Amino acid sequence: MPPAAWYLPPAGRRRGQAEAPALQALSIGFFHIDIAEVQTAEGKLYLFVGIDRTSKFAVTQLVDKADRRTAWEFLEHLLKAVPYRIHTILTDNGI
């Protein structure tokens, strides 16, 4: 091992800092859903995104306005597009 002056701790940790607790293993089917406003030359659009935390499978939908109806339609689109069972959906409630 090189002299202590040359030692670099593993990325994400400093010397003397405790190891971060291991992340709980998540089973496939845990989706995080979010929405983003997209500015275009024609005006505003809204991008709904759903990403599985384990497999990174992603589903997107671009809509003209973001309201309860388009959110519901995105959920229906997500359920049809995902080829496996979704057991959890995480959102930030539009905040």
Protein backbone atom coordinates (compact mmCIF):
# COMPACT_ATOMS: atom_id res chain seq x y z
CA MET A 1 0.00 0.00 0.00
CA PRO A 2 1.35 3.48 -0.81
CA PRO A 3 2.33 5.86 1.99
CA ALA A 4 -0.61 7.40 3.89
CA ALA A 5 -0.03 10.77 2.21
CA TRP A 6 -0.88 9.16 -1.13
CA TYR A 7 -3.85 7.17 0.09
CA LEU A 8 -7.21 8.14 -1.44
CA PRO A 9 -10.30 6.76 0.31
CA PRO A 10 -12.96 5.08 -1.84
CA ALA A 11 -15.16 7.51 -3.77
CA GLY A 12 -18.02 8.89 -1.72
CA ARG A 13 -16.25 8.40 1.65
CA ARG A 14 -13.73 10.43 3.58
CA ARG A 15 -11.13 9.02 5.90
CA GLY A 16 -12.70 8.29 9.29
CA GLN A 17 -16.25 8.47 7.93
CA ALA A 18 -18.43 5.44 8.63
CA GLU A 19 -19.62 3.36 5.72
CA ALA A 20 -23.09 4.20 4.48
CA PRO A 21 -25.69 1.55 5.33
CA ALA A 22 -26.41 -0.82 2.47
CA LEU A 23 -29.45 0.06 0.40
CA GLN A 24 -32.34 -2.30 0.80
CA ALA A 25 -32.63 -4.55 -2.20
CA LEU A 26 -35.73 -3.63 -4.15
CA SER A 27 -37.62 -6.10 -6.24
CA ILE A 28 -38.52 -5.29 -9.80
CA GLY A 29 -41.79 -3.36 -10.07
CA PHE A 30 -41.02 -0.36 -7.81
CA PHE A 31 -41.72 2.71 -9.96
CA HIS A 32 -40.89 6.35 -9.33
CA ILE A 33 -43.13 8.72 -11.30
CA ASP A 34 -42.42 12.38 -11.94
CA ILE A 35 -43.40 15.20 -14.27
CA ALA A 36 -41.30 17.90 -15.93
CA GLU A 37 -42.27 21.06 -17.79
CA VAL A 38 -40.67 21.22 -21.24
CA GLN A 39 -40.30 24.52 -23.11
CA THR A 40 -40.55 24.28 -26.90
CA ALA A 41 -40.68 26.81 -29.71
CA GLU A 42 -44.45 26.20 -29.85
CA GLY A 43 -44.97 26.61 -26.08
CA LYS A 44 -45.09 24.46 -22.95
CA LEU A 45 -45.47 20.70 -22.85
CA TYR A 46 -45.40 18.32 -19.89
CA LEU A 47 -43.36 15.14 -19.74
CA PHE A 48 -44.58 12.32 -17.50
CA VAL A 49 -41.83 9.82 -16.63
CA GLY A 50 -42.01 6.49 -14.80
CA ILE A 51 -38.78 4.62 -13.98
CA ASP A 52 -38.43 1.24 -12.30
CA ARG A 53 -35.83 1.65 -9.54
CA THR A 54 -34.39 -1.83 -10.02
CA SER A 55 -34.52 -2.56 -13.75
CA LYS A 56 -34.37 1.10 -14.90
CA PHE A 57 -37.21 0.33 -17.33
CA ALA A 58 -38.64 3.73 -18.28
CA VAL A 59 -41.99 4.88 -19.69
CA THR A 60 -42.63 8.44 -20.88
CA GLN A 61 -45.53 10.45 -22.25
CA LEU A 62 -45.57 14.04 -23.54
CA VAL A 63 -48.86 15.94 -23.04
CA ASP A 64 -50.22 19.45 -23.67
CA LYS A 65 -51.41 20.02 -20.12
CA ALA A 66 -50.84 18.41 -16.73
CA ASP A 67 -54.01 17.75 -14.80
CA ARG A 68 -55.75 14.84 -13.07
CA ARG A 69 -57.06 13.42 -16.32
CA THR A 70 -53.65 13.36 -18.06
CA ALA A 71 -52.02 11.94 -14.92
CA TRP A 72 -54.62 9.14 -14.87
CA GLU A 73 -54.04 8.50 -18.57
CA PHE A 74 -50.29 8.25 -17.92
CA LEU A 75 -50.89 5.68 -15.17
CA GLU A 76 -53.02 3.63 -17.57
CA HIS A 77 -50.29 3.98 -20.23
CA LEU A 78 -47.65 2.87 -17.69
CA LEU A 79 -49.64 -0.21 -16.64
CA LYS A 80 -50.09 -1.28 -20.27
CA ALA A 81 -46.45 -0.62 -21.22
CA VAL A 82 -44.72 -2.44 -18.37
CA PRO A 83 -44.28 -6.16 -19.10
CA TYR A 84 -44.29 -7.20 -15.43
CA ARG A 85 -46.29 -6.59 -12.25
CA ILE A 86 -45.93 -3.15 -10.63
CA HIS A 87 -46.14 -3.46 -6.84
CA THR A 88 -45.26 0.12 -5.75
CA ILE A 89 -45.59 3.59 -7.27
CA LEU A 90 -43.73 6.47 -5.63
CA THR A 91 -44.58 10.11 -6.40
CA ASP A 92 -43.91 13.47 -4.84
CA ASN A 93 -47.62 14.41 -5.21
CA GLY A 94 -46.82 17.06 -7.82
CA ILE A 95 -44.60 19.12 -5.53
